[in-house]
N, C-alpha and C. Protein backbone atom coordinates (compact mmCIF):
# COMPACT_ATOMS: atom_id res chain seq x y z
N MET A 1 -7.45 5.64 -43.65
CA MET A 1 -6.97 6.46 -42.55
C MET A 1 -5.95 5.66 -41.73
N GLU A 2 -4.86 6.34 -41.34
CA GLU A 2 -3.79 5.67 -40.61
C GLU A 2 -4.24 5.33 -39.19
N ASN A 3 -3.95 4.11 -38.72
CA ASN A 3 -4.32 3.70 -37.38
C ASN A 3 -3.48 4.43 -36.34
N LYS A 4 -4.11 4.75 -35.21
CA LYS A 4 -3.37 5.36 -34.11
C LYS A 4 -2.43 4.32 -33.51
N PRO A 5 -1.24 4.72 -33.09
CA PRO A 5 -0.33 3.76 -32.47
C PRO A 5 -0.92 3.23 -31.17
N ASP A 6 -0.71 1.94 -30.89
CA ASP A 6 -1.26 1.40 -29.66
C ASP A 6 -0.33 1.71 -28.49
N ILE A 7 -0.75 1.30 -27.31
CA ILE A 7 -0.01 1.67 -26.11
C ILE A 7 1.39 1.07 -26.11
N ARG A 8 1.56 -0.10 -26.73
CA ARG A 8 2.90 -0.70 -26.78
C ARG A 8 3.85 0.15 -27.62
N GLU A 9 3.35 0.61 -28.76
CA GLU A 9 4.19 1.45 -29.62
C GLU A 9 4.52 2.77 -28.93
N LEU A 10 3.53 3.36 -28.26
CA LEU A 10 3.76 4.62 -27.57
C LEU A 10 4.73 4.46 -26.41
N THR A 11 4.65 3.34 -25.72
CA THR A 11 5.56 3.10 -24.60
C THR A 11 6.99 2.90 -25.09
N LEU A 12 7.15 2.17 -26.20
CA LEU A 12 8.48 1.99 -26.77
C LEU A 12 9.08 3.32 -27.20
N LYS A 13 8.22 4.22 -27.65
CA LYS A 13 8.68 5.52 -28.14
C LYS A 13 8.94 6.50 -26.99
N LYS A 14 8.04 6.50 -25.98
CA LYS A 14 8.10 7.52 -24.94
C LYS A 14 8.64 7.04 -23.60
N GLY A 15 8.77 5.72 -23.43
CA GLY A 15 9.32 5.20 -22.19
C GLY A 15 8.27 4.67 -21.24
N LEU A 16 8.71 3.93 -20.23
CA LEU A 16 7.81 3.26 -19.30
C LEU A 16 7.08 4.21 -18.36
N ASP A 17 7.53 5.46 -18.29
CA ASP A 17 6.82 6.44 -17.48
C ASP A 17 5.54 6.91 -18.16
N PHE A 18 5.41 6.65 -19.46
CA PHE A 18 4.28 7.19 -20.22
C PHE A 18 2.94 6.55 -19.89
N PRO A 19 2.80 5.21 -19.88
CA PRO A 19 1.48 4.62 -19.66
C PRO A 19 1.00 4.78 -18.23
N ASN A 20 -0.34 4.90 -18.09
CA ASN A 20 -0.90 4.91 -16.74
C ASN A 20 -1.03 3.47 -16.24
N ASP A 21 -1.56 3.29 -15.04
CA ASP A 21 -1.63 1.95 -14.45
C ASP A 21 -2.46 0.99 -15.30
N GLU A 22 -3.62 1.46 -15.77
CA GLU A 22 -4.48 0.60 -16.60
C GLU A 22 -3.78 0.19 -17.88
N GLU A 23 -3.03 1.12 -18.47
CA GLU A 23 -2.33 0.81 -19.72
C GLU A 23 -1.18 -0.17 -19.49
N LEU A 24 -0.52 -0.07 -18.34
CA LEU A 24 0.50 -1.07 -18.01
C LEU A 24 -0.13 -2.46 -17.91
N LEU A 25 -1.30 -2.51 -17.30
CA LEU A 25 -2.01 -3.79 -17.18
C LEU A 25 -2.47 -4.29 -18.54
N MET A 26 -2.84 -3.40 -19.43
CA MET A 26 -3.22 -3.80 -20.79
C MET A 26 -2.06 -4.52 -21.47
N MET A 27 -0.85 -4.03 -21.24
CA MET A 27 0.32 -4.67 -21.86
C MET A 27 0.62 -6.02 -21.21
N ILE A 28 0.38 -6.12 -19.91
CA ILE A 28 0.58 -7.41 -19.22
C ILE A 28 -0.45 -8.43 -19.70
N LEU A 29 -1.71 -8.00 -19.82
CA LEU A 29 -2.79 -8.91 -20.22
C LEU A 29 -2.72 -9.27 -21.70
N GLY A 30 -2.29 -8.33 -22.51
CA GLY A 30 -2.15 -8.60 -23.95
C GLY A 30 -3.43 -8.42 -24.73
N THR A 31 -4.45 -9.18 -24.41
CA THR A 31 -5.72 -9.11 -25.14
C THR A 31 -6.88 -9.22 -24.17
N GLY A 32 -8.05 -8.85 -24.66
CA GLY A 32 -9.27 -9.05 -23.89
C GLY A 32 -9.89 -10.39 -24.28
N THR A 33 -11.19 -10.46 -24.19
CA THR A 33 -11.92 -11.66 -24.59
C THR A 33 -12.99 -11.27 -25.60
N ARG A 34 -13.76 -12.22 -26.03
CA ARG A 34 -14.82 -11.94 -26.99
C ARG A 34 -15.82 -10.93 -26.43
N ASP A 35 -16.05 -11.00 -25.11
CA ASP A 35 -17.07 -10.16 -24.50
C ASP A 35 -16.52 -8.95 -23.74
N VAL A 36 -15.22 -8.97 -23.44
CA VAL A 36 -14.63 -7.90 -22.63
C VAL A 36 -13.38 -7.37 -23.32
N SER A 37 -13.34 -6.06 -23.54
CA SER A 37 -12.16 -5.46 -24.17
C SER A 37 -10.99 -5.49 -23.20
N VAL A 38 -9.78 -5.42 -23.73
CA VAL A 38 -8.61 -5.45 -22.87
C VAL A 38 -8.57 -4.23 -21.97
N ARG A 39 -9.07 -3.08 -22.44
CA ARG A 39 -9.08 -1.88 -21.60
C ARG A 39 -10.05 -2.04 -20.43
N SER A 40 -11.23 -2.57 -20.72
CA SER A 40 -12.21 -2.79 -19.67
C SER A 40 -11.70 -3.82 -18.66
N LEU A 41 -11.06 -4.86 -19.17
CA LEU A 41 -10.49 -5.89 -18.30
C LEU A 41 -9.41 -5.30 -17.41
N ALA A 42 -8.55 -4.47 -18.00
CA ALA A 42 -7.47 -3.85 -17.25
C ALA A 42 -8.02 -2.93 -16.15
N ARG A 43 -9.13 -2.24 -16.45
CA ARG A 43 -9.75 -1.36 -15.46
C ARG A 43 -10.24 -2.17 -14.25
N SER A 44 -10.88 -3.29 -14.52
CA SER A 44 -11.37 -4.15 -13.43
C SER A 44 -10.22 -4.73 -12.62
N VAL A 45 -9.17 -5.13 -13.31
CA VAL A 45 -7.99 -5.68 -12.63
C VAL A 45 -7.34 -4.63 -11.76
N ASN A 46 -7.23 -3.41 -12.27
CA ASN A 46 -6.62 -2.32 -11.52
C ASN A 46 -7.39 -2.05 -10.23
N ASP A 47 -8.71 -2.05 -10.32
CA ASP A 47 -9.55 -1.84 -9.14
C ASP A 47 -9.32 -2.95 -8.11
N ALA A 48 -9.23 -4.19 -8.60
CA ALA A 48 -9.04 -5.33 -7.70
C ALA A 48 -7.69 -5.26 -7.00
N VAL A 49 -6.65 -4.88 -7.73
CA VAL A 49 -5.31 -4.77 -7.15
C VAL A 49 -5.28 -3.67 -6.09
N ASP A 50 -6.00 -2.57 -6.33
CA ASP A 50 -6.03 -1.46 -5.37
C ASP A 50 -6.75 -1.84 -4.08
N GLU A 51 -7.69 -2.78 -4.17
CA GLU A 51 -8.56 -3.07 -3.03
C GLU A 51 -8.15 -4.30 -2.24
N THR A 52 -7.16 -5.05 -2.71
CA THR A 52 -6.77 -6.27 -2.01
C THR A 52 -5.26 -6.36 -1.91
N PHE A 53 -4.80 -7.32 -1.14
CA PHE A 53 -3.36 -7.55 -1.02
C PHE A 53 -3.13 -9.00 -0.64
N GLY A 54 -1.90 -9.47 -0.86
CA GLY A 54 -1.56 -10.84 -0.51
C GLY A 54 -2.32 -11.85 -1.36
N ASP A 55 -2.57 -13.02 -0.77
CA ASP A 55 -3.23 -14.10 -1.49
C ASP A 55 -4.68 -13.78 -1.86
N GLU A 56 -5.28 -12.83 -1.14
CA GLU A 56 -6.65 -12.43 -1.47
C GLU A 56 -6.74 -11.86 -2.88
N MET A 57 -5.64 -11.27 -3.35
CA MET A 57 -5.64 -10.67 -4.67
C MET A 57 -5.90 -11.71 -5.75
N ILE A 58 -5.28 -12.87 -5.64
CA ILE A 58 -5.47 -13.92 -6.64
C ILE A 58 -6.93 -14.35 -6.68
N GLN A 59 -7.52 -14.51 -5.53
CA GLN A 59 -8.92 -14.94 -5.46
C GLN A 59 -9.84 -13.91 -6.11
N LYS A 60 -9.59 -12.63 -5.81
CA LYS A 60 -10.45 -11.59 -6.37
C LYS A 60 -10.24 -11.45 -7.88
N LEU A 61 -9.00 -11.55 -8.33
CA LEU A 61 -8.72 -11.45 -9.77
C LEU A 61 -9.38 -12.60 -10.53
N THR A 62 -9.37 -13.78 -9.94
CA THR A 62 -9.95 -14.95 -10.60
C THR A 62 -11.44 -14.78 -10.84
N ARG A 63 -12.10 -14.00 -9.97
CA ARG A 63 -13.55 -13.80 -10.10
C ARG A 63 -13.93 -12.79 -11.17
N ILE A 64 -12.96 -12.08 -11.73
CA ILE A 64 -13.25 -11.09 -12.77
C ILE A 64 -13.52 -11.81 -14.08
N LYS A 65 -14.61 -11.44 -14.73
CA LYS A 65 -14.96 -12.05 -16.01
C LYS A 65 -13.86 -11.81 -17.04
N GLY A 66 -13.39 -12.88 -17.64
CA GLY A 66 -12.34 -12.78 -18.65
C GLY A 66 -10.94 -13.03 -18.12
N MET A 67 -10.81 -13.23 -16.79
CA MET A 67 -9.48 -13.46 -16.23
C MET A 67 -9.12 -14.95 -16.18
N GLY A 68 -9.73 -15.67 -15.27
CA GLY A 68 -9.34 -17.06 -15.10
C GLY A 68 -8.12 -17.17 -14.22
N GLN A 69 -7.79 -18.38 -13.83
CA GLN A 69 -6.71 -18.61 -12.87
C GLN A 69 -5.33 -18.24 -13.41
N ASN A 70 -5.07 -18.60 -14.66
CA ASN A 70 -3.74 -18.33 -15.23
C ASN A 70 -3.45 -16.85 -15.33
N ARG A 71 -4.44 -16.09 -15.83
CA ARG A 71 -4.23 -14.64 -15.93
C ARG A 71 -4.15 -13.99 -14.56
N ALA A 72 -4.95 -14.48 -13.63
CA ALA A 72 -4.91 -13.94 -12.27
C ALA A 72 -3.52 -14.14 -11.66
N LEU A 73 -2.95 -15.32 -11.85
CA LEU A 73 -1.61 -15.59 -11.36
C LEU A 73 -0.57 -14.72 -12.05
N GLN A 74 -0.77 -14.50 -13.35
CA GLN A 74 0.16 -13.68 -14.13
C GLN A 74 0.22 -12.26 -13.58
N VAL A 75 -0.94 -11.68 -13.31
CA VAL A 75 -0.98 -10.32 -12.79
C VAL A 75 -0.44 -10.27 -11.35
N ALA A 76 -0.88 -11.20 -10.51
CA ALA A 76 -0.43 -11.23 -9.12
C ALA A 76 1.09 -11.40 -9.04
N ALA A 77 1.63 -12.24 -9.93
CA ALA A 77 3.08 -12.45 -9.96
C ALA A 77 3.81 -11.16 -10.35
N ALA A 78 3.24 -10.42 -11.31
CA ALA A 78 3.86 -9.16 -11.74
C ALA A 78 3.85 -8.14 -10.59
N VAL A 79 2.73 -8.09 -9.85
CA VAL A 79 2.63 -7.18 -8.71
C VAL A 79 3.65 -7.56 -7.64
N GLU A 80 3.76 -8.85 -7.34
CA GLU A 80 4.70 -9.32 -6.32
C GLU A 80 6.15 -9.08 -6.76
N TYR A 81 6.43 -9.29 -8.04
CA TYR A 81 7.79 -9.05 -8.55
C TYR A 81 8.17 -7.58 -8.37
N GLY A 82 7.21 -6.68 -8.73
CA GLY A 82 7.47 -5.26 -8.56
C GLY A 82 7.69 -4.89 -7.10
N ARG A 83 6.89 -5.51 -6.21
CA ARG A 83 7.05 -5.23 -4.78
C ARG A 83 8.43 -5.64 -4.29
N ARG A 84 8.87 -6.83 -4.72
CA ARG A 84 10.17 -7.31 -4.27
C ARG A 84 11.31 -6.45 -4.81
N LYS A 85 11.20 -6.03 -6.05
CA LYS A 85 12.26 -5.22 -6.65
C LYS A 85 12.33 -3.83 -6.04
N ASN A 86 11.22 -3.37 -5.45
CA ASN A 86 11.20 -2.07 -4.81
C ASN A 86 11.35 -2.19 -3.30
N GLU A 87 11.87 -3.32 -2.87
CA GLU A 87 12.04 -3.58 -1.44
C GLU A 87 12.93 -2.53 -0.82
N CYS A 88 12.58 -2.16 0.39
CA CYS A 88 13.35 -1.12 1.08
C CYS A 88 14.05 -1.68 2.31
N VAL A 89 14.25 -2.99 2.33
CA VAL A 89 14.91 -3.63 3.46
C VAL A 89 16.30 -3.01 3.68
N GLY A 90 16.57 -2.71 4.93
CA GLY A 90 17.89 -2.17 5.27
C GLY A 90 17.98 -0.66 5.25
N ILE A 91 16.93 0.03 4.78
CA ILE A 91 16.94 1.49 4.79
C ILE A 91 16.76 1.98 6.22
N LYS A 92 17.62 2.85 6.68
CA LYS A 92 17.55 3.35 8.05
C LYS A 92 16.58 4.52 8.12
N VAL A 93 15.69 4.47 9.11
CA VAL A 93 14.69 5.52 9.28
C VAL A 93 15.01 6.32 10.53
N ARG A 94 15.41 7.55 10.34
CA ARG A 94 15.72 8.44 11.46
C ARG A 94 14.56 9.40 11.73
N THR A 95 13.87 9.80 10.66
CA THR A 95 12.75 10.73 10.78
C THR A 95 11.63 10.28 9.85
N ALA A 96 10.46 10.87 10.00
CA ALA A 96 9.33 10.55 9.12
C ALA A 96 9.69 10.81 7.67
N ARG A 97 10.45 11.85 7.45
CA ARG A 97 10.83 12.19 6.07
C ARG A 97 11.64 11.09 5.40
N ASP A 98 12.39 10.32 6.19
CA ASP A 98 13.17 9.21 5.64
C ASP A 98 12.26 8.11 5.10
N LEU A 99 11.11 7.91 5.76
CA LEU A 99 10.22 6.82 5.40
C LEU A 99 9.26 7.17 4.26
N VAL A 100 8.83 8.40 4.20
CA VAL A 100 7.77 8.80 3.26
C VAL A 100 8.01 8.35 1.81
N PRO A 101 9.22 8.46 1.26
CA PRO A 101 9.40 8.02 -0.14
C PRO A 101 9.05 6.56 -0.38
N PHE A 102 9.14 5.72 0.66
CA PHE A 102 8.91 4.29 0.49
C PHE A 102 7.44 3.90 0.69
N VAL A 103 6.62 4.84 1.14
CA VAL A 103 5.18 4.58 1.30
C VAL A 103 4.34 5.52 0.45
N GLN A 104 5.01 6.41 -0.30
CA GLN A 104 4.31 7.44 -1.05
C GLN A 104 3.34 6.88 -2.08
N THR A 105 3.61 5.66 -2.56
CA THR A 105 2.73 5.06 -3.56
C THR A 105 1.31 4.87 -3.02
N TYR A 106 1.17 4.79 -1.69
CA TYR A 106 -0.15 4.61 -1.09
C TYR A 106 -0.87 5.94 -0.90
N ALA A 107 -0.17 7.05 -1.05
CA ALA A 107 -0.75 8.36 -0.77
C ALA A 107 -1.94 8.68 -1.67
N ILE A 108 -1.91 8.18 -2.91
CA ILE A 108 -2.97 8.52 -3.85
C ILE A 108 -3.98 7.39 -4.05
N LYS A 109 -3.93 6.38 -3.20
CA LYS A 109 -4.90 5.30 -3.30
C LYS A 109 -6.30 5.85 -3.01
N PRO A 110 -7.32 5.37 -3.74
CA PRO A 110 -8.68 5.90 -3.54
C PRO A 110 -9.33 5.42 -2.25
N LYS A 111 -8.76 4.39 -1.62
CA LYS A 111 -9.26 3.92 -0.34
C LYS A 111 -8.13 3.98 0.69
N GLU A 112 -8.53 4.03 1.95
CA GLU A 112 -7.53 4.14 3.00
C GLU A 112 -6.77 2.82 3.17
N HIS A 113 -5.47 2.90 3.17
CA HIS A 113 -4.59 1.76 3.40
C HIS A 113 -3.83 1.99 4.71
N PHE A 114 -3.85 1.00 5.58
CA PHE A 114 -3.14 1.12 6.85
C PHE A 114 -1.90 0.21 6.80
N LEU A 115 -0.75 0.80 7.08
CA LEU A 115 0.52 0.10 6.98
C LEU A 115 1.20 -0.03 8.33
N SER A 116 1.95 -1.09 8.48
CA SER A 116 2.84 -1.25 9.62
C SER A 116 4.24 -1.49 9.08
N ILE A 117 5.16 -0.64 9.48
CA ILE A 117 6.55 -0.76 9.02
C ILE A 117 7.37 -1.30 10.19
N THR A 118 7.91 -2.49 10.02
CA THR A 118 8.70 -3.10 11.09
C THR A 118 10.18 -2.72 10.93
N LEU A 119 10.82 -2.49 12.07
CA LEU A 119 12.21 -2.03 12.09
C LEU A 119 13.06 -2.91 12.99
N ASN A 120 14.33 -3.04 12.66
CA ASN A 120 15.24 -3.77 13.53
C ASN A 120 15.83 -2.83 14.58
N GLY A 121 16.80 -3.33 15.36
CA GLY A 121 17.37 -2.54 16.43
C GLY A 121 18.10 -1.29 15.97
N ASN A 122 18.52 -1.28 14.71
CA ASN A 122 19.20 -0.10 14.15
C ASN A 122 18.22 0.83 13.45
N HIS A 123 16.93 0.57 13.61
CA HIS A 123 15.87 1.33 12.96
C HIS A 123 15.94 1.24 11.43
N GLU A 124 16.38 0.07 10.96
CA GLU A 124 16.37 -0.22 9.53
C GLU A 124 15.10 -0.99 9.20
N ILE A 125 14.53 -0.72 8.03
CA ILE A 125 13.27 -1.33 7.64
C ILE A 125 13.45 -2.83 7.43
N ILE A 126 12.59 -3.60 8.08
CA ILE A 126 12.53 -5.04 7.84
C ILE A 126 11.50 -5.33 6.76
N GLN A 127 10.31 -4.75 6.92
CA GLN A 127 9.23 -5.01 5.97
C GLN A 127 8.16 -3.92 6.11
N ILE A 128 7.48 -3.67 4.99
CA ILE A 128 6.30 -2.80 5.01
C ILE A 128 5.09 -3.69 4.79
N HIS A 129 4.21 -3.74 5.77
CA HIS A 129 3.02 -4.60 5.71
C HIS A 129 1.76 -3.77 5.48
N VAL A 130 0.94 -4.18 4.53
CA VAL A 130 -0.40 -3.61 4.39
C VAL A 130 -1.30 -4.38 5.34
N MET A 131 -1.79 -3.70 6.38
CA MET A 131 -2.56 -4.37 7.42
C MET A 131 -4.07 -4.24 7.24
N GLY A 132 -4.49 -3.31 6.40
CA GLY A 132 -5.91 -3.16 6.19
C GLY A 132 -6.21 -2.20 5.06
N ILE A 133 -7.31 -2.47 4.35
CA ILE A 133 -7.80 -1.58 3.30
C ILE A 133 -9.26 -1.30 3.61
N GLY A 134 -9.62 -0.04 3.67
CA GLY A 134 -10.97 0.31 4.07
C GLY A 134 -11.73 1.11 3.04
N SER A 135 -12.51 2.03 3.53
CA SER A 135 -13.32 2.89 2.67
C SER A 135 -12.51 4.13 2.32
N VAL A 136 -13.18 5.13 1.78
CA VAL A 136 -12.48 6.38 1.45
C VAL A 136 -12.17 7.17 2.71
N THR A 137 -12.74 6.77 3.85
CA THR A 137 -12.53 7.55 5.07
C THR A 137 -11.92 6.77 6.23
N SER A 138 -11.90 5.45 6.17
CA SER A 138 -11.37 4.72 7.32
C SER A 138 -10.94 3.31 6.95
N SER A 139 -10.10 2.74 7.80
CA SER A 139 -9.67 1.35 7.67
C SER A 139 -9.51 0.77 9.06
N ALA A 140 -10.28 -0.26 9.37
CA ALA A 140 -10.25 -0.83 10.72
C ALA A 140 -9.04 -1.74 10.88
N VAL A 141 -8.24 -1.48 11.90
CA VAL A 141 -7.09 -2.33 12.22
C VAL A 141 -7.08 -2.57 13.72
N TYR A 142 -6.45 -3.67 14.12
CA TYR A 142 -6.46 -4.06 15.53
C TYR A 142 -5.04 -4.34 16.01
N PRO A 143 -4.75 -4.01 17.26
CA PRO A 143 -3.40 -4.23 17.79
C PRO A 143 -2.89 -5.65 17.61
N ARG A 144 -3.77 -6.66 17.78
CA ARG A 144 -3.30 -8.04 17.68
C ARG A 144 -2.75 -8.34 16.30
N GLU A 145 -3.33 -7.74 15.24
CA GLU A 145 -2.85 -7.96 13.88
C GLU A 145 -1.53 -7.25 13.65
N ILE A 146 -1.47 -6.01 14.11
CA ILE A 146 -0.25 -5.22 13.92
C ILE A 146 0.94 -5.87 14.62
N PHE A 147 0.74 -6.26 15.88
CA PHE A 147 1.87 -6.76 16.65
C PHE A 147 2.19 -8.22 16.38
N SER A 148 1.24 -8.96 15.85
CA SER A 148 1.58 -10.34 15.46
C SER A 148 2.58 -10.32 14.31
N GLU A 149 2.41 -9.39 13.36
CA GLU A 149 3.38 -9.26 12.27
C GLU A 149 4.72 -8.77 12.80
N ALA A 150 4.67 -7.84 13.74
CA ALA A 150 5.91 -7.31 14.31
C ALA A 150 6.70 -8.40 15.01
N LEU A 151 6.00 -9.25 15.74
CA LEU A 151 6.67 -10.34 16.45
C LEU A 151 7.23 -11.38 15.48
N LEU A 152 6.47 -11.66 14.41
CA LEU A 152 6.96 -12.59 13.40
C LEU A 152 8.23 -12.07 12.72
N ASP A 153 8.31 -10.76 12.55
CA ASP A 153 9.49 -10.14 11.95
C ASP A 153 10.63 -9.96 12.95
N ASN A 154 10.35 -10.31 14.21
CA ASN A 154 11.33 -10.07 15.28
C ASN A 154 11.73 -8.60 15.33
N ALA A 155 10.74 -7.74 15.19
CA ALA A 155 10.97 -6.30 15.11
C ALA A 155 11.31 -5.71 16.48
N ALA A 156 12.20 -4.73 16.48
CA ALA A 156 12.54 -4.00 17.69
C ALA A 156 11.60 -2.81 17.88
N ALA A 157 10.97 -2.37 16.79
CA ALA A 157 10.05 -1.23 16.85
C ALA A 157 9.22 -1.22 15.57
N ILE A 158 8.15 -0.43 15.58
CA ILE A 158 7.33 -0.28 14.38
C ILE A 158 6.97 1.19 14.18
N ILE A 159 6.61 1.50 12.95
CA ILE A 159 6.02 2.79 12.61
C ILE A 159 4.68 2.50 11.94
N LEU A 160 3.66 3.22 12.34
CA LEU A 160 2.34 3.09 11.73
C LEU A 160 2.20 4.15 10.65
N CYS A 161 1.43 3.83 9.64
CA CYS A 161 1.24 4.78 8.54
C CYS A 161 -0.09 4.49 7.84
N HIS A 162 -0.81 5.52 7.46
CA HIS A 162 -1.98 5.32 6.61
C HIS A 162 -2.19 6.56 5.76
N ASN A 163 -2.94 6.37 4.69
CA ASN A 163 -3.22 7.49 3.79
C ASN A 163 -4.59 8.07 4.07
N HIS A 164 -4.76 9.34 3.74
CA HIS A 164 -6.05 10.00 3.75
C HIS A 164 -6.42 10.33 2.30
N PRO A 165 -7.31 9.54 1.69
CA PRO A 165 -7.67 9.80 0.28
C PRO A 165 -8.20 11.21 0.04
N SER A 166 -8.78 11.84 1.07
CA SER A 166 -9.31 13.19 0.92
C SER A 166 -8.20 14.22 0.71
N GLY A 167 -6.99 13.86 1.11
CA GLY A 167 -5.89 14.81 1.03
C GLY A 167 -5.70 15.62 2.29
N ASN A 168 -6.70 15.60 3.19
CA ASN A 168 -6.61 16.31 4.46
C ASN A 168 -5.73 15.49 5.41
N LEU A 169 -4.62 16.05 5.84
CA LEU A 169 -3.66 15.31 6.63
C LEU A 169 -3.89 15.39 8.14
N ILE A 170 -4.86 16.17 8.57
CA ILE A 170 -5.11 16.31 10.00
C ILE A 170 -5.69 15.02 10.56
N PRO A 171 -5.15 14.49 11.67
CA PRO A 171 -5.67 13.24 12.24
C PRO A 171 -7.12 13.38 12.68
N SER A 172 -7.89 12.36 12.42
CA SER A 172 -9.27 12.32 12.87
C SER A 172 -9.32 11.81 14.31
N ASP A 173 -10.49 11.89 14.94
CA ASP A 173 -10.64 11.32 16.29
C ASP A 173 -10.35 9.83 16.27
N ALA A 174 -10.78 9.16 15.18
CA ALA A 174 -10.52 7.72 15.05
C ALA A 174 -9.02 7.44 14.95
N ASP A 175 -8.29 8.31 14.25
CA ASP A 175 -6.83 8.15 14.14
C ASP A 175 -6.17 8.26 15.51
N LEU A 176 -6.62 9.23 16.29
CA LEU A 176 -6.06 9.43 17.63
C LEU A 176 -6.38 8.23 18.53
N GLU A 177 -7.60 7.72 18.43
CA GLU A 177 -8.01 6.57 19.24
C GLU A 177 -7.22 5.33 18.85
N THR A 178 -7.07 5.09 17.54
CA THR A 178 -6.31 3.93 17.07
C THR A 178 -4.86 4.01 17.55
N THR A 179 -4.27 5.18 17.45
CA THR A 179 -2.88 5.35 17.87
C THR A 179 -2.73 5.08 19.36
N SER A 180 -3.66 5.57 20.15
CA SER A 180 -3.62 5.36 21.59
C SER A 180 -3.68 3.86 21.93
N LYS A 181 -4.56 3.13 21.23
CA LYS A 181 -4.66 1.68 21.47
C LYS A 181 -3.37 0.97 21.10
N MET A 182 -2.76 1.40 19.99
CA MET A 182 -1.51 0.77 19.56
C MET A 182 -0.39 1.04 20.57
N LEU A 183 -0.37 2.25 21.12
CA LEU A 183 0.65 2.59 22.11
C LEU A 183 0.46 1.80 23.39
N ASP A 184 -0.78 1.58 23.79
CA ASP A 184 -1.06 0.75 24.97
C ASP A 184 -0.54 -0.67 24.76
N ALA A 185 -0.84 -1.23 23.58
CA ALA A 185 -0.39 -2.59 23.27
C ALA A 185 1.13 -2.65 23.18
N ALA A 186 1.73 -1.62 22.61
CA ALA A 186 3.19 -1.59 22.47
C ALA A 186 3.88 -1.62 23.82
N GLU A 187 3.29 -0.94 24.80
CA GLU A 187 3.88 -0.90 26.14
C GLU A 187 3.86 -2.29 26.77
N VAL A 188 2.79 -3.03 26.54
CA VAL A 188 2.66 -4.38 27.10
C VAL A 188 3.62 -5.34 26.41
N LEU A 189 3.70 -5.25 25.09
CA LEU A 189 4.47 -6.22 24.31
C LEU A 189 5.95 -5.86 24.17
N GLY A 190 6.30 -4.63 24.51
CA GLY A 190 7.70 -4.24 24.44
C GLY A 190 8.20 -3.98 23.04
N VAL A 191 7.29 -3.65 22.14
CA VAL A 191 7.67 -3.28 20.77
C VAL A 191 7.17 -1.84 20.55
N PRO A 192 8.02 -0.85 20.75
CA PRO A 192 7.56 0.53 20.72
C PRO A 192 7.07 1.00 19.35
N VAL A 193 6.09 1.89 19.39
CA VAL A 193 5.62 2.58 18.18
C VAL A 193 6.38 3.90 18.10
N LEU A 194 7.22 4.05 17.10
CA LEU A 194 8.08 5.23 17.00
C LEU A 194 7.36 6.43 16.39
N ASP A 195 6.35 6.16 15.57
CA ASP A 195 5.63 7.27 14.93
C ASP A 195 4.37 6.72 14.27
N HIS A 196 3.45 7.59 14.00
CA HIS A 196 2.29 7.29 13.16
C HIS A 196 2.24 8.41 12.13
N ILE A 197 2.33 8.03 10.87
CA ILE A 197 2.44 9.01 9.78
C ILE A 197 1.21 8.93 8.89
N ILE A 198 0.61 10.07 8.64
CA ILE A 198 -0.50 10.16 7.69
C ILE A 198 0.05 10.75 6.40
N ILE A 199 -0.23 10.10 5.28
CA ILE A 199 0.28 10.57 4.00
C ILE A 199 -0.86 10.94 3.07
N GLY A 200 -0.59 11.87 2.18
CA GLY A 200 -1.56 12.31 1.18
C GLY A 200 -0.82 12.93 0.01
N GLY A 201 -1.56 13.35 -0.98
CA GLY A 201 -0.92 13.89 -2.18
C GLY A 201 -0.11 15.15 -1.93
N CYS A 202 -0.41 15.84 -0.80
CA CYS A 202 0.27 17.13 -0.57
C CYS A 202 1.35 17.04 0.52
N GLY A 203 1.64 15.83 1.00
CA GLY A 203 2.70 15.74 1.99
C GLY A 203 2.41 14.69 3.05
N TYR A 204 2.83 14.96 4.29
CA TYR A 204 2.63 13.99 5.36
C TYR A 204 2.42 14.72 6.68
N PHE A 205 1.89 13.98 7.65
CA PHE A 205 1.71 14.47 9.01
C PHE A 205 2.29 13.43 9.94
N SER A 206 3.21 13.84 10.80
CA SER A 206 3.87 12.93 11.75
C SER A 206 3.33 13.18 13.16
N PHE A 207 2.81 12.12 13.79
CA PHE A 207 2.36 12.24 15.17
C PHE A 207 3.53 12.62 16.08
N LEU A 208 4.70 12.04 15.82
CA LEU A 208 5.88 12.32 16.64
C LEU A 208 6.26 13.80 16.55
N GLU A 209 6.31 14.31 15.34
CA GLU A 209 6.72 15.70 15.13
C GLU A 209 5.73 16.69 15.74
N HIS A 210 4.46 16.24 15.93
CA HIS A 210 3.44 17.11 16.51
C HIS A 210 3.12 16.74 17.96
N ASP A 211 4.01 15.95 18.58
CA ASP A 211 3.86 15.59 20.00
C ASP A 211 2.52 14.94 20.31
N LEU A 212 2.11 14.02 19.44
CA LEU A 212 0.82 13.34 19.62
C LEU A 212 0.97 11.86 19.97
N LEU A 213 2.16 11.42 20.30
CA LEU A 213 2.33 10.02 20.68
C LEU A 213 2.14 9.88 22.19
N PHE A 214 0.88 9.75 22.58
CA PHE A 214 0.59 9.60 24.00
C PHE A 214 -0.48 8.53 24.19
N THR A 215 -0.47 7.89 25.34
CA THR A 215 -1.45 6.87 25.66
C THR A 215 -2.60 7.49 26.43
N LYS A 216 -3.67 6.74 26.55
CA LYS A 216 -4.82 7.21 27.31
C LYS A 216 -4.46 7.27 28.80
N VAL A 217 -4.97 8.28 29.47
CA VAL A 217 -4.72 8.43 30.90
C VAL A 217 -5.71 7.56 31.68
């Protein structure tokens, strides 16, 4: 019986849009181990990448059975290379709609990701920071973390953004409370929050567009 073509052959035939995330990782990893198949390994790696960011990713990848330090670095380097190549530095943000294409990749994440987008005086993107990864319903973030990154970037303003894995774009009470705290801190530090955007598979919700950017009385 003829063997089915593997993912590499199918990708060469159908293009890089064809494989899913796990299959892309299978091609990066190449092989599994004696005890762990490459597909199973890729699944574990994909979960780890979704749940961590920055240097924490290397540590978590290293703990996966069958990875080791070299493979962990290989995957982390590929993720970082992709991030750099998709950099949106210099893109001018006039409305929420301008920003959404650059954060849309987080819309379908299975856990909530909270982002801070730093902007220069011309409202051009300096950097998109992942500030927290939480559960399927929430991600705890604090003003000191958000604004420390903004100050390091010498940002003139920031935009907050997070995904709702449920797909429901309506702000929760926690979202409103978090936004209010960020606005209070912004007033003290002189780095304004221009918007807070909730993203999901069906679109986005802008606090600015719905007149919800207000501080506590």
